[in-house]
Amino acid sequence: MDAFDVRDWRRQVFALYAAVRAEPEPAAGHDLWRRSRDELFRDHPASPLLPEQRAGFAGLTVAAYDPAWRFEVEVRPAAEERWDAQTGTDGVVPFERLGTVSLPGVGDLDVWRLTTYGGGLFVPLRDAGCGRPGGGYGGGRYLLDTVKGADLGGDADGLVVDLNFAYPPSCAYDPSWACPLPPLGNRVDTVVPVGELYD
């Protein structure tokens, strides 16, 4: 993998999320997301899958779409807080809390702003199913990461937070990646049975 491969991966991910946002039916957008990610993970040179994981790859494990886990929520103000995410590959990645969102039946999640080059919003999640068989990746999953294109939309004051699109960070597949994992304000006691699951 080289810098041009990563550039192309990012272009394709940005285009994929733009197509998902343009799809009037969330379930159809989810199907597009699932199929396109399977193709990227299987075929793209910048895939986070290790070579041995690509052999016989039959697709990522993604739960069927459930509209009950889709929310359009307002970002509410929250006290200022800084989070310095320690990563092995990128050093310290600094975030500032922009606000919080409340997901009915799930809990509150902090919305973070990346304060270095690229900027962007970031909403990770670690639910009670993470690390358990049939649940999410043990380290947590991402819901929103706009610096890398993962953005389902929203208006000036709010966000679309659709847990059906929760996905694990690259370090779930390849240990050479070191990814920011959800801090305390992004952990909930609810089991989230949708999104990409981890066997």
Protein backbone atom coordinates (compact mmCIF):
# COMPACT_ATOMS: atom_id res chain seq x y z
CA MET A 1 0.00 0.00 0.00
CA ASP A 2 1.29 3.46 -0.83
CA ALA A 3 0.06 7.05 -0.46
CA PHE A 4 -1.80 6.89 -3.78
CA ASP A 5 -3.64 3.76 -2.66
CA VAL A 6 -4.72 5.52 0.54
CA ARG A 7 -5.80 8.57 -1.47
CA ASP A 8 -7.96 6.39 -3.70
CA TRP A 9 -9.44 4.55 -0.69
CA ARG A 10 -10.41 7.88 0.89
CA ARG A 11 -11.92 9.13 -2.38
CA GLN A 12 -14.03 6.01 -2.65
CA VAL A 13 -15.18 6.20 0.98
CA PHE A 14 -16.16 9.87 0.61
CA ALA A 15 -18.07 9.02 -2.59
CA LEU A 16 -19.77 6.07 -0.90
CA TYR A 17 -21.08 8.17 1.99
CA ALA A 18 -22.24 10.87 -0.46
CA ALA A 19 -24.23 8.19 -2.31
CA VAL A 20 -25.67 6.90 0.99
CA ARG A 21 -26.76 10.43 1.97
CA ALA A 22 -28.40 10.88 -1.45
CA GLU A 23 -30.41 7.67 -1.09
CA PRO A 24 -33.96 8.55 0.11
CA GLU A 25 -34.46 5.18 1.83
CA PRO A 26 -31.99 4.54 4.70
CA ALA A 27 -32.28 0.76 4.29
CA ALA A 28 -31.28 1.03 0.61
CA GLY A 29 -28.39 3.29 1.57
CA HIS A 30 -27.30 0.71 4.13
CA ASP A 31 -27.38 -2.05 1.53
CA LEU A 32 -25.21 0.07 -0.78
CA TRP A 33 -22.81 0.78 2.12
CA ARG A 34 -22.54 -2.91 3.01
CA ARG A 35 -21.97 -4.12 -0.56
CA SER A 36 -19.48 -1.35 -1.39
CA ARG A 37 -17.46 -1.91 1.76
CA ASP A 38 -17.26 -5.63 1.03
CA GLU A 39 -15.81 -4.79 -2.41
CA LEU A 40 -13.32 -2.30 -0.97
CA PHE A 41 -12.18 -4.64 1.77
CA ARG A 42 -11.82 -7.57 -0.66
CA ASP A 43 -10.23 -5.82 -3.65
CA HIS A 44 -8.65 -2.49 -2.76
CA PRO A 45 -4.86 -2.31 -2.16
CA ALA A 46 -5.42 -0.06 0.88
CA SER A 47 -7.81 -2.51 2.56
CA PRO A 48 -7.10 -2.91 6.27
CA LEU A 49 -7.49 -6.68 5.90
CA LEU A 50 -4.29 -8.66 6.20
CA PRO A 51 -3.42 -10.89 3.21
CA GLU A 52 -4.48 -14.02 5.08
CA GLN A 53 -7.84 -12.39 5.91
CA ARG A 54 -8.50 -11.70 2.21
CA ALA A 55 -8.12 -15.35 1.28
CA GLY A 56 -11.65 -16.67 1.11
CA PHE A 57 -13.13 -13.35 2.24
CA ALA A 58 -16.92 -13.68 2.00
CA GLY A 59 -17.88 -10.24 3.30
CA LEU A 60 -18.00 -8.33 6.54
CA THR A 61 -20.49 -9.41 9.20
CA VAL A 62 -23.17 -6.70 9.16
CA ALA A 63 -26.56 -6.99 10.86
CA ALA A 64 -29.74 -6.46 8.85
CA TYR A 65 -30.96 -2.87 8.76
CA ASP A 66 -33.26 -1.89 11.63
CA PRO A 67 -34.82 1.61 11.40
CA ALA A 68 -35.27 1.71 15.18
CA TRP A 69 -31.54 2.42 15.51
CA ARG A 70 -31.55 5.54 13.28
CA PHE A 71 -31.69 8.95 14.98
CA GLU A 72 -31.75 12.56 13.84
CA VAL A 73 -30.51 14.44 16.88
CA GLU A 74 -29.54 17.92 17.98
CA VAL A 75 -26.01 18.50 19.21
CA ARG A 76 -26.44 20.03 22.66
CA PRO A 77 -23.75 22.21 24.25
CA ALA A 78 -21.48 20.55 26.79
CA ALA A 79 -18.72 21.70 29.09
CA GLU A 80 -15.39 22.07 27.34
CA GLU A 81 -13.20 19.01 27.58
CA ARG A 82 -10.03 17.94 25.84
CA TRP A 83 -9.27 14.34 24.94
CA ASP A 84 -5.77 13.38 23.91
CA ALA A 85 -6.08 10.01 22.21
CA GLN A 86 -2.81 8.10 22.43
CA THR A 87 -2.01 6.15 19.28
CA GLY A 88 1.12 4.22 18.46
CA THR A 89 1.30 5.33 14.84
CA ASP A 90 0.13 8.96 14.99
CA GLY A 91 1.28 9.91 18.49
CA VAL A 92 -1.25 12.01 20.39
CA VAL A 93 -4.41 12.89 18.46
CA PRO A 94 -6.11 15.87 20.18
CA PHE A 95 -9.89 16.30 20.31
CA GLU A 96 -12.15 18.90 21.93
CA ARG A 97 -15.70 18.10 22.99
CA LEU A 98 -18.10 20.01 20.78
CA GLY A 99 -21.28 18.83 22.50
CA THR A 100 -23.41 15.77 23.17
CA VAL A 101 -26.21 13.90 21.46
CA SER A 102 -28.90 11.90 23.19
CA LEU A 103 -30.01 8.67 21.55
CA PRO A 104 -33.34 7.46 22.99
CA GLY A 105 -32.99 4.01 24.54
CA VAL A 106 -29.22 4.06 24.06
CA GLY A 107 -27.76 6.98 26.03
CA ASP A 108 -25.74 10.14 25.58
CA LEU A 109 -22.62 10.33 23.42
CA ASP A 110 -19.99 13.02 23.24
CA VAL A 111 -19.36 14.67 19.86
CA TRP A 112 -15.68 15.48 19.39
CA ARG A 113 -13.89 17.91 17.10
CA LEU A 114 -10.47 16.95 15.80
CA THR A 115 -8.29 19.97 16.51
CA THR A 116 -5.36 19.21 14.21
CA TYR A 117 -4.91 19.13 10.45
CA GLY A 118 -8.03 18.04 8.61
CA GLY A 119 -10.41 18.92 11.43
CA GLY A 120 -13.74 17.17 11.42
CA LEU A 121 -16.26 15.62 13.78
CA PHE A 122 -15.81 12.28 15.48
CA VAL A 123 -18.31 10.12 17.37
CA PRO A 124 -17.02 6.74 18.53
CA LEU A 125 -19.14 4.23 20.47
CA ARG A 126 -18.45 1.38 22.84
CA ASP A 127 -21.70 -0.37 23.69
CA ALA A 128 -22.31 -3.25 26.10
CA GLY A 129 -22.08 -5.81 23.29
CA CYS A 130 -18.55 -4.85 22.29
CA GLY A 131 -16.07 -7.63 22.91
CA ARG A 132 -18.76 -10.29 23.26
CA PRO A 133 -19.57 -12.97 20.68
CA GLY A 134 -21.85 -11.49 18.02
CA GLY A 135 -21.24 -7.96 19.29
CA GLY A 136 -19.07 -5.12 18.10
CA TYR A 137 -15.28 -5.03 18.12
CA GLY A 138 -13.99 -5.04 21.71
CA GLY A 139 -12.31 -1.67 21.37
CA GLY A 140 -15.48 0.00 20.09
CA ARG A 141 -16.86 1.22 16.80
CA TYR A 142 -17.14 4.50 14.90
CA LEU A 143 -20.40 6.23 14.01
CA LEU A 144 -19.06 9.46 12.55
CA ASP A 145 -15.57 10.34 11.35
CA THR A 146 -15.89 13.19 8.90
CA VAL A 147 -12.15 13.61 8.30
CA LYS A 148 -12.30 10.18 6.65
CA GLY A 149 -15.68 10.71 4.97
CA ALA A 150 -17.91 8.73 7.37
CA ASP A 151 -20.80 11.22 7.57
CA LEU A 152 -24.50 10.37 7.27
CA GLY A 153 -25.68 13.98 7.20
CA GLY A 154 -27.65 16.36 9.36
CA ASP A 155 -28.37 20.07 9.50
CA ALA A 156 -26.57 23.05 11.03
CA ASP A 157 -27.53 22.04 14.57
CA GLY A 158 -27.80 18.28 14.37
CA LEU A 159 -26.57 14.98 13.05
CA VAL A 160 -27.92 11.79 11.58
CA VAL A 161 -26.63 9.07 13.90
CA ASP A 162 -27.53 5.69 12.46
CA LEU A 163 -26.14 2.84 14.50
CA ASN A 164 -26.75 0.47 11.59
CA PHE A 165 -23.63 2.03 10.05
CA ALA A 166 -21.38 1.47 13.10
CA TYR A 167 -18.05 0.04 12.00
CA PRO A 168 -14.81 -0.92 13.74
CA PRO A 169 -11.60 1.06 13.30
CA SER A 170 -8.79 -0.29 11.11
CA CYS A 171 -6.93 -1.64 14.15
CA ALA A 172 -9.67 -4.28 14.48
CA TYR A 173 -8.25 -5.96 11.36
CA ASP A 174 -4.58 -5.03 11.34
CA PRO A 175 -2.63 -4.54 14.59
CA SER A 176 -0.15 -2.22 12.86
CA TRP A 177 -2.86 0.46 12.98
CA ALA A 178 -3.41 2.33 16.25
CA CYS A 179 -6.81 4.01 16.43
CA PRO A 180 -8.55 6.34 18.90
CA LEU A 181 -10.91 4.22 20.99
CA PRO A 182 -14.07 5.54 22.68
CA PRO A 183 -13.46 7.53 25.88
CA LEU A 184 -15.87 7.36 28.86
CA GLY A 185 -18.37 9.82 27.37
CA ASN A 186 -18.83 7.50 24.40
CA ARG A 187 -19.55 4.31 26.31
CA VAL A 188 -23.09 3.11 26.95
CA ASP A 189 -24.61 0.20 28.90
CA THR A 190 -26.98 -0.70 26.06
CA VAL A 191 -26.24 -3.56 23.66
CA VAL A 192 -26.31 -2.27 20.08
CA PRO A 193 -27.01 -5.34 17.91
CA VAL A 194 -26.71 -3.56 14.55
CA GLY A 195 -23.88 -2.32 12.37
CA GLU A 196 -20.75 -4.28 11.62
CA LEU A 197 -20.32 -7.05 14.16
CA TYR A 198 -17.19 -8.83 15.22
CA ASP A 199 -16.99 -12.63 15.50
